[in-house]
Amino acid sequence: MVGLTLRNTGKRYGALSIIQGMNLDIHDGEFLVLVGPSGCGKSTLLRMIAGLEDITDGTIAMDGRVVNDLPASKRELSMVFQSYALYPHMTVAKNLAFGLENMKVPRAEVERRVADAARILQIEKLLDRKPRQLSGGQKQRVAIGRSIVREPKLFLFDEPLSNLDAELRVQMRAELAALYARLGTTMIYVTHDQVEAMTLASRIVVLRAGKIEQVGTPQELYTRPQNLFVAGFIGSPKINMIEARVSEGANGMQATAEGFSPFRIPHLRTRDTSITICVRPGSIHVGTGAVEAQGTVRLVEYLGNETLLHVALASGQVLLVSSKDQGAQKAGDSVTLGFDHADIHYFDSNGQRVEPLQQESLSA
């Protein structure tokens, strides 16, 4: 296993900065996922760790040793790419063994490693097939197996499931999680799919425009997003964001938001009078609550175990409501929406999370 340390790490192409002053500690044996929108720099960062991209600024250290100038072949890591990159004229067994044979690994050792990888990935029956005889999921297993046989200290995955269909992605996610549990090797995984990030990671790094927005466990990012970007990126269905103005009245702090009845909020650690409150769709229900709004159902999405309501307020804003009452509402219905104070996330005018100054009762 290996631990990595990035200190003020950067990557520039001329005046264009792709990775900016990144500081990150990657722990031994963790499954770290780099997630963010297209163009945020996550694949570039992975390639920098792999030694496939030069580092412009700062350092990358593995087990305390700076590896900026160490070639990829000497870093004791293995990378699985988005494309399978299998040799079409070789059998699965030969694809798995090819890299080891080029490294002059003894034949008996090659056979042992190929057999071990095939057993771990449950592809023993595929060893004599050519890539054209394999399904997409089987090809991906072979690509992962080619990394396993090298017995690296670090696995790197660059969006390995993006070429698979939805059902197969779910299956492969489970297989990757099981593989990590068996091997216990440090893994760094790049994806733009926050569902993959939430289900696979021991920790997630959320990137935007080459910078880290937040690092934490899936639970931490979901329950305590540190800014509006993370709040909006993590979670499906997407979180509701509501602009509000705050003022102090006779009974404490009060918020007003278009389409909502005025409601009390705690004193916050900000002097901003304009804030954003965020509420997950699963925390809003049809019916009365501590905070209420009136709206009209615009769209009903039946998702099997839940129904997703798109409710338009008088202001024109549409709120997403995740409901278990299947078929209870239909498009055109007028509804009252309610949610509790405890389910609100508060963000200041700069989009940064703010907390209450103290615990206080907000009962009406």
Protein backbone atom coordinates (compact mmCIF):
# COMPACT_ATOMS: atom_id res chain seq x y z
CA MET A 1 0.00 0.00 0.00
CA VAL A 2 1.08 3.56 -0.55
CA GLY A 3 0.21 7.01 0.76
CA LEU A 4 0.44 10.13 -1.40
CA THR A 5 1.03 13.75 -0.49
CA LEU A 6 0.37 16.66 -2.85
CA ARG A 7 1.81 20.02 -1.84
CA ASN A 8 1.04 23.16 -3.86
CA THR A 9 0.78 20.90 -6.89
CA GLY A 10 -0.06 22.64 -10.14
CA LYS A 11 -0.26 22.12 -13.88
CA ARG A 12 -0.14 24.88 -16.49
CA TYR A 13 -0.21 24.94 -20.25
CA GLY A 14 1.26 28.34 -20.97
CA ALA A 15 -1.04 30.88 -19.35
CA LEU A 16 -3.80 28.29 -18.87
CA SER A 17 -3.86 26.85 -15.36
CA ILE A 18 -5.45 23.39 -15.12
CA ILE A 19 -4.51 22.39 -11.55
CA GLN A 20 -3.96 25.20 -9.04
CA GLY A 21 -1.97 24.96 -5.82
CA MET A 22 -3.44 21.64 -4.72
CA ASN A 23 -2.76 20.29 -1.23
CA LEU A 24 -4.05 16.80 -0.51
CA ASP A 25 -3.13 13.81 1.64
CA ILE A 26 -4.19 10.40 0.33
CA HIS A 27 -4.09 7.75 3.04
CA ASP A 28 -2.74 4.23 2.84
CA GLY A 29 -5.43 1.76 1.79
CA GLU A 30 -8.23 4.22 1.11
CA PHE A 31 -10.57 4.39 -1.89
CA LEU A 32 -10.35 8.05 -2.88
CA VAL A 33 -12.65 9.35 -5.60
CA LEU A 34 -11.96 12.53 -7.58
CA VAL A 35 -15.28 13.91 -8.79
CA GLY A 36 -16.36 17.04 -10.58
CA PRO A 37 -17.81 18.36 -13.83
CA SER A 38 -16.11 17.91 -17.19
CA GLY A 39 -13.02 20.09 -17.48
CA CYS A 40 -12.40 20.41 -13.72
CA GLY A 41 -8.94 18.78 -14.00
CA LYS A 42 -9.61 15.41 -12.37
CA SER A 43 -8.16 13.27 -15.19
CA THR A 44 -5.17 15.60 -15.53
CA LEU A 45 -4.51 15.25 -11.81
CA LEU A 46 -4.69 11.45 -12.08
CA ARG A 47 -2.21 11.49 -14.97
CA MET A 48 0.12 13.70 -12.93
CA ILE A 49 0.04 11.15 -10.11
CA ALA A 50 0.70 8.39 -12.64
CA GLY A 51 3.68 10.22 -14.13
CA LEU A 52 2.01 10.61 -17.52
CA GLU A 53 1.84 14.41 -17.16
CA ASP A 54 4.65 16.68 -16.00
CA ILE A 55 4.11 18.71 -12.83
CA THR A 56 4.49 22.46 -13.32
CA ASP A 57 4.41 23.50 -9.66
CA GLY A 58 4.80 21.88 -6.25
CA THR A 59 5.44 18.25 -5.44
CA ILE A 60 3.88 14.80 -5.39
CA ALA A 61 5.33 12.37 -2.85
CA MET A 62 4.70 8.63 -2.50
CA ASP A 63 5.47 7.16 0.92
CA GLY A 64 7.37 10.36 1.70
CA ARG A 65 9.51 10.26 -1.47
CA VAL A 66 9.09 13.08 -3.99
CA VAL A 67 8.41 11.51 -7.39
CA ASN A 68 8.11 14.58 -9.64
CA ASP A 69 10.90 13.34 -11.90
CA LEU A 70 10.30 9.62 -11.45
CA PRO A 71 9.01 8.00 -14.68
CA ALA A 72 5.66 6.21 -14.66
CA SER A 73 7.33 2.81 -15.02
CA LYS A 74 9.14 3.30 -11.70
CA ARG A 75 6.17 4.43 -9.59
CA GLU A 76 4.83 0.96 -8.74
CA LEU A 77 1.30 1.82 -9.78
CA SER A 78 -1.15 0.63 -12.37
CA MET A 79 -3.81 2.55 -14.28
CA VAL A 80 -7.12 1.47 -15.79
CA PHE A 81 -8.33 3.78 -18.55
CA GLN A 82 -11.76 4.63 -19.91
CA SER A 83 -11.03 2.63 -23.06
CA TYR A 84 -10.24 -1.05 -22.51
CA ALA A 85 -7.13 -0.89 -24.76
CA LEU A 86 -6.96 -4.69 -25.10
CA TYR A 87 -4.83 -6.31 -27.80
CA PRO A 88 -7.45 -7.72 -30.22
CA HIS A 89 -5.21 -10.50 -31.58
CA MET A 90 -4.36 -11.86 -28.13
CA THR A 91 -6.38 -14.10 -25.84
CA VAL A 92 -7.45 -12.86 -22.45
CA ALA A 93 -4.61 -14.85 -20.87
CA LYS A 94 -2.06 -13.27 -23.20
CA ASN A 95 -3.48 -9.79 -22.56
CA LEU A 96 -3.04 -10.34 -18.84
CA ALA A 97 0.46 -11.76 -19.19
CA PHE A 98 1.86 -9.43 -21.86
CA GLY A 99 3.10 -6.66 -19.57
CA LEU A 100 4.72 -9.11 -17.17
CA GLU A 101 6.48 -10.91 -20.00
CA ASN A 102 7.90 -7.61 -21.23
CA MET A 103 9.21 -7.02 -17.69
CA LYS A 104 11.00 -10.40 -17.91
CA VAL A 105 9.03 -11.85 -15.00
CA PRO A 106 9.70 -15.62 -14.73
CA ARG A 107 7.12 -17.74 -16.55
CA ALA A 108 5.94 -19.57 -13.42
CA GLU A 109 5.36 -16.24 -11.66
CA VAL A 110 3.45 -14.91 -14.68
CA GLU A 111 1.18 -17.94 -14.67
CA ARG A 112 0.56 -17.58 -10.93
CA ARG A 113 -0.36 -13.90 -11.19
CA VAL A 114 -2.63 -14.45 -14.21
CA ALA A 115 -4.41 -17.30 -12.42
CA ASP A 116 -4.81 -15.19 -9.26
CA ALA A 117 -6.22 -12.22 -11.19
CA ALA A 118 -8.60 -14.45 -13.14
CA ARG A 119 -9.84 -15.99 -9.89
CA ILE A 120 -10.33 -12.62 -8.19
CA LEU A 121 -12.28 -11.24 -11.18
CA GLN A 122 -14.08 -14.54 -11.92
CA ILE A 123 -12.90 -14.67 -15.53
CA GLU A 124 -11.23 -18.10 -15.45
CA LYS A 125 -13.56 -19.36 -18.20
CA LEU A 126 -12.64 -16.44 -20.46
CA LEU A 127 -8.87 -16.93 -20.58
CA ASP A 128 -8.89 -18.54 -24.04
CA ARG A 129 -11.21 -15.99 -25.65
CA LYS A 130 -10.27 -13.01 -27.80
CA PRO A 131 -11.56 -9.51 -26.91
CA ARG A 132 -14.12 -9.59 -29.75
CA GLN A 133 -15.79 -12.53 -27.98
CA LEU A 134 -16.29 -10.56 -24.75
CA SER A 135 -19.05 -8.28 -23.51
CA GLY A 136 -18.28 -4.74 -22.34
CA GLY A 137 -18.26 -5.80 -18.69
CA GLN A 138 -15.96 -8.73 -19.43
CA LYS A 139 -13.55 -6.46 -21.31
CA GLN A 140 -13.46 -4.11 -18.35
CA ARG A 141 -12.67 -6.99 -16.01
CA VAL A 142 -9.76 -7.99 -18.23
CA ALA A 143 -8.50 -4.39 -18.26
CA ILE A 144 -8.65 -4.36 -14.45
CA GLY A 145 -6.99 -7.79 -14.36
CA ARG A 146 -4.11 -6.46 -16.41
CA SER A 147 -3.53 -3.97 -13.59
CA ILE A 148 -3.92 -6.56 -10.83
CA VAL A 149 -1.25 -8.89 -12.23
CA ARG A 150 1.36 -6.17 -11.77
CA GLU A 151 0.64 -6.25 -8.03
CA PRO A 152 1.00 -2.46 -7.75
CA LYS A 153 1.06 -0.40 -4.56
CA LEU A 154 -1.50 1.97 -6.06
CA PHE A 155 -4.44 1.55 -8.46
CA LEU A 156 -5.59 4.47 -10.62
CA PHE A 157 -8.95 4.39 -12.42
CA ASP A 158 -9.86 6.99 -15.05
CA GLU A 159 -13.66 6.80 -15.58
CA PRO A 160 -13.50 3.03 -16.19
CA LEU A 161 -17.29 2.52 -16.29
CA SER A 162 -18.34 5.37 -18.58
CA ASN A 163 -18.52 3.14 -21.68
CA LEU A 164 -20.90 0.66 -20.04
CA ASP A 165 -24.69 0.74 -20.05
CA ALA A 166 -26.59 1.68 -16.91
CA GLU A 167 -27.30 -1.85 -15.66
CA LEU A 168 -23.72 -2.99 -16.21
CA ARG A 169 -22.35 0.11 -14.46
CA VAL A 170 -24.30 -0.83 -11.34
CA GLN A 171 -22.93 -4.38 -11.49
CA MET A 172 -19.35 -3.22 -12.06
CA ARG A 173 -19.59 -0.72 -9.19
CA ALA A 174 -20.40 -3.60 -6.88
CA GLU A 175 -17.53 -5.64 -8.29
CA LEU A 176 -15.06 -2.78 -7.85
CA ALA A 177 -16.19 -2.33 -4.24
CA ALA A 178 -15.72 -6.05 -3.61
CA LEU A 179 -12.30 -5.96 -5.32
CA TYR A 180 -11.20 -3.12 -3.05
CA ALA A 181 -12.40 -5.02 0.02
CA ARG A 182 -10.37 -8.07 -1.04
CA LEU A 183 -7.14 -6.31 -2.04
CA GLY A 184 -7.05 -3.42 0.45
CA THR A 185 -4.75 -1.52 -1.92
CA THR A 186 -4.89 2.26 -2.21
CA MET A 187 -7.19 3.23 -5.07
CA ILE A 188 -7.75 6.61 -6.72
CA TYR A 189 -10.79 6.76 -8.95
CA VAL A 190 -11.88 9.53 -11.34
CA THR A 191 -15.51 10.01 -12.31
CA HIS A 192 -17.99 12.74 -13.20
CA ASP A 193 -20.82 10.58 -11.83
CA GLN A 194 -21.58 11.55 -8.24
CA VAL A 195 -23.54 8.30 -7.72
CA GLU A 196 -20.34 6.33 -8.42
CA ALA A 197 -18.47 8.61 -6.05
CA MET A 198 -21.01 8.21 -3.24
CA THR A 199 -21.25 4.43 -3.52
CA LEU A 200 -17.54 3.60 -3.93
CA ALA A 201 -15.50 6.13 -1.98
CA SER A 202 -14.12 6.05 1.51
CA ARG A 203 -13.41 9.74 0.84
CA ILE A 204 -14.39 12.09 -1.99
CA VAL A 205 -12.51 15.06 -3.40
CA VAL A 206 -14.85 17.50 -5.16
CA LEU A 207 -13.02 19.52 -7.82
CA ARG A 208 -14.00 22.62 -9.75
CA ALA A 209 -11.78 24.54 -12.18
CA GLY A 210 -8.63 22.83 -10.91
CA LYS A 211 -9.27 23.56 -7.24
CA ILE A 212 -10.53 21.46 -4.34
CA GLU A 213 -13.97 22.53 -3.14
CA GLN A 214 -14.31 19.97 -0.35
CA VAL A 215 -12.79 16.70 0.87
CA GLY A 216 -14.73 14.30 3.06
CA THR A 217 -16.63 11.06 3.39
CA PRO A 218 -19.78 10.64 1.28
CA GLN A 219 -21.86 11.24 4.41
CA GLU A 220 -19.99 14.45 5.26
CA LEU A 221 -20.42 15.88 1.77
CA TYR A 222 -24.11 15.02 1.71
CA THR A 223 -25.03 16.21 5.19
CA ARG A 224 -22.60 19.15 5.54
CA PRO A 225 -21.71 20.60 2.12
CA GLN A 226 -19.28 23.46 2.65
CA ASN A 227 -20.50 25.60 -0.25
CA LEU A 228 -23.29 25.88 -2.78
CA PHE A 229 -21.29 24.12 -5.49
CA VAL A 230 -20.86 20.98 -3.40
CA ALA A 231 -24.47 21.15 -2.20
CA GLY A 232 -25.67 21.27 -5.80
CA PHE A 233 -23.26 18.66 -7.13
CA ILE A 234 -23.65 15.97 -4.47
CA GLY A 235 -27.05 14.33 -4.14
CA SER A 236 -29.65 13.01 -6.53
CA PRO A 237 -32.28 14.37 -7.05
CA LYS A 238 -30.58 17.75 -6.90
CA ILE A 239 -30.92 19.89 -3.79
CA ASN A 240 -33.38 22.81 -3.80
CA MET A 241 -31.82 26.29 -3.50
CA ILE A 242 -34.00 29.17 -2.28
CA GLU A 243 -32.92 32.81 -2.15
CA ALA A 244 -34.00 34.56 1.05
CA ARG A 245 -33.60 37.82 2.91
CA VAL A 246 -33.12 37.89 6.66
CA SER A 247 -34.01 40.50 9.23
CA GLU A 248 -34.31 40.69 12.99
CA GLY A 249 -37.76 41.06 14.47
CA ALA A 250 -39.36 41.02 17.88
CA ASN A 251 -39.24 37.21 18.01
CA GLY A 252 -35.75 36.75 16.61
CA MET A 253 -34.38 36.30 13.10
CA GLN A 254 -36.89 36.00 10.27
CA ALA A 255 -36.45 35.00 6.65
CA THR A 256 -38.60 35.97 3.70
CA ALA A 257 -38.44 34.15 0.39
CA GLU A 258 -40.67 34.67 -2.62
CA GLY A 259 -43.41 32.06 -2.65
CA PHE A 260 -42.99 31.22 1.07
CA SER A 261 -44.69 32.40 4.20
CA PRO A 262 -42.20 34.32 6.41
CA PHE A 263 -40.41 31.90 8.71
CA ARG A 264 -38.03 32.04 11.63
CA ILE A 265 -34.39 31.01 11.35
CA PRO A 266 -31.60 30.82 13.92
CA HIS A 267 -29.05 33.60 14.31
CA LEU A 268 -26.32 32.74 11.80
CA ARG A 269 -22.58 33.30 11.79
CA THR A 270 -22.89 35.94 9.08
CA ARG A 271 -24.03 39.51 8.81
CA ASP A 272 -25.35 39.00 5.30
CA THR A 273 -28.97 39.98 4.81
CA SER A 274 -29.18 37.89 1.63
CA ILE A 275 -28.64 34.16 2.06
CA THR A 276 -29.45 30.93 0.27
CA ILE A 277 -31.24 28.13 2.06
CA CYS A 278 -31.01 24.62 0.65
CA VAL A 279 -33.30 21.66 1.32
CA ARG A 280 -33.00 18.12 -0.04
CA PRO A 281 -36.04 16.89 -2.04
CA GLY A 282 -36.50 14.05 0.44
CA SER A 283 -36.87 16.55 3.30
CA ILE A 284 -39.81 18.37 1.70
CA HIS A 285 -43.24 16.83 2.02
CA VAL A 286 -46.72 17.58 0.77
CA GLY A 287 -48.53 19.08 3.76
CA THR A 288 -47.93 21.65 6.45
CA GLY A 289 -44.61 22.18 8.17
CA ALA A 290 -42.47 24.67 10.05
CA VAL A 291 -41.70 26.33 6.70
CA GLU A 292 -44.47 26.38 4.11
CA ALA A 293 -45.05 27.31 0.47
CA GLN A 294 -47.97 27.00 -1.92
CA GLY A 295 -47.46 25.62 -5.40
CA THR A 296 -48.79 23.74 -8.38
CA VAL A 297 -47.56 20.34 -9.50
CA ARG A 298 -46.02 20.75 -12.96
CA LEU A 299 -44.61 17.26 -13.49
CA VAL A 300 -44.82 13.88 -11.78
CA GLU A 301 -41.95 11.42 -12.32
CA TYR A 302 -42.74 7.90 -11.16
CA LEU A 303 -39.44 6.22 -10.21
CA GLY A 304 -40.71 2.97 -8.71
CA ASN A 305 -39.83 3.27 -5.03
CA GLU A 306 -40.52 7.01 -5.01
CA THR A 307 -42.28 9.73 -6.96
CA LEU A 308 -40.49 12.95 -7.85
CA LEU A 309 -42.76 15.99 -7.94
CA HIS A 310 -41.83 19.21 -9.76
CA VAL A 311 -43.80 21.90 -7.93
CA ALA A 312 -43.94 25.47 -9.27
CA LEU A 313 -44.31 28.26 -6.70
CA ALA A 314 -46.04 31.57 -7.37
CA SER A 315 -42.55 33.09 -7.82
CA GLY A 316 -41.93 30.75 -10.76
CA GLN A 317 -39.30 28.71 -8.93
CA VAL A 318 -39.71 24.96 -9.23
CA LEU A 319 -38.99 22.80 -6.17
CA LEU A 320 -38.23 19.09 -6.36
CA VAL A 321 -40.09 16.94 -3.84
CA SER A 322 -39.34 13.25 -3.33
CA SER A 323 -42.54 11.54 -2.22
CA LYS A 324 -43.34 7.97 -1.20
CA ASP A 325 -47.08 8.55 -1.81
CA GLN A 326 -47.21 7.07 -5.29
CA GLY A 327 -50.06 8.41 -7.36
CA ALA A 328 -51.26 10.77 -4.63
CA GLN A 329 -50.63 13.87 -6.76
CA LYS A 330 -50.97 14.61 -10.45
CA ALA A 331 -49.99 17.46 -12.73
CA GLY A 332 -52.12 20.55 -12.13
CA ASP A 333 -52.83 19.85 -8.43
CA SER A 334 -52.43 22.72 -5.97
CA VAL A 335 -50.37 21.62 -2.98
CA THR A 336 -48.91 22.93 0.24
CA LEU A 337 -45.24 22.06 0.78
CA GLY A 338 -43.64 21.91 4.21
CA PHE A 339 -40.26 21.16 5.72
CA ASP A 340 -38.54 21.40 9.09
CA HIS A 341 -35.90 23.84 10.29
CA ALA A 342 -33.51 20.98 11.04
CA ASP A 343 -33.42 20.07 7.33
CA ILE A 344 -32.21 23.49 6.14
CA HIS A 345 -28.64 24.19 5.01
CA TYR A 346 -27.64 27.88 5.14
CA PHE A 347 -25.18 29.62 2.81
CA ASP A 348 -24.00 33.23 2.81
CA SER A 349 -23.87 35.65 -0.12
CA ASN A 350 -20.52 34.14 -1.18
CA GLY A 351 -22.02 30.67 -1.32
CA GLN A 352 -20.16 29.44 1.79
CA ARG A 353 -21.84 27.36 4.48
CA VAL A 354 -22.82 29.22 7.64
CA GLU A 355 -23.86 27.73 10.96
CA PRO A 356 -26.21 28.94 13.69
CA LEU A 357 -24.56 30.99 16.43
CA GLN A 358 -26.29 28.84 19.03
CA GLN A 359 -28.94 26.20 19.36
CA GLU A 360 -32.33 27.79 19.83
CA SER A 361 -35.98 26.82 19.64
CA LEU A 362 -37.65 27.78 16.38
CA SER A 363 -41.12 26.61 17.22
CA ALA A 364 -43.78 28.83 15.75
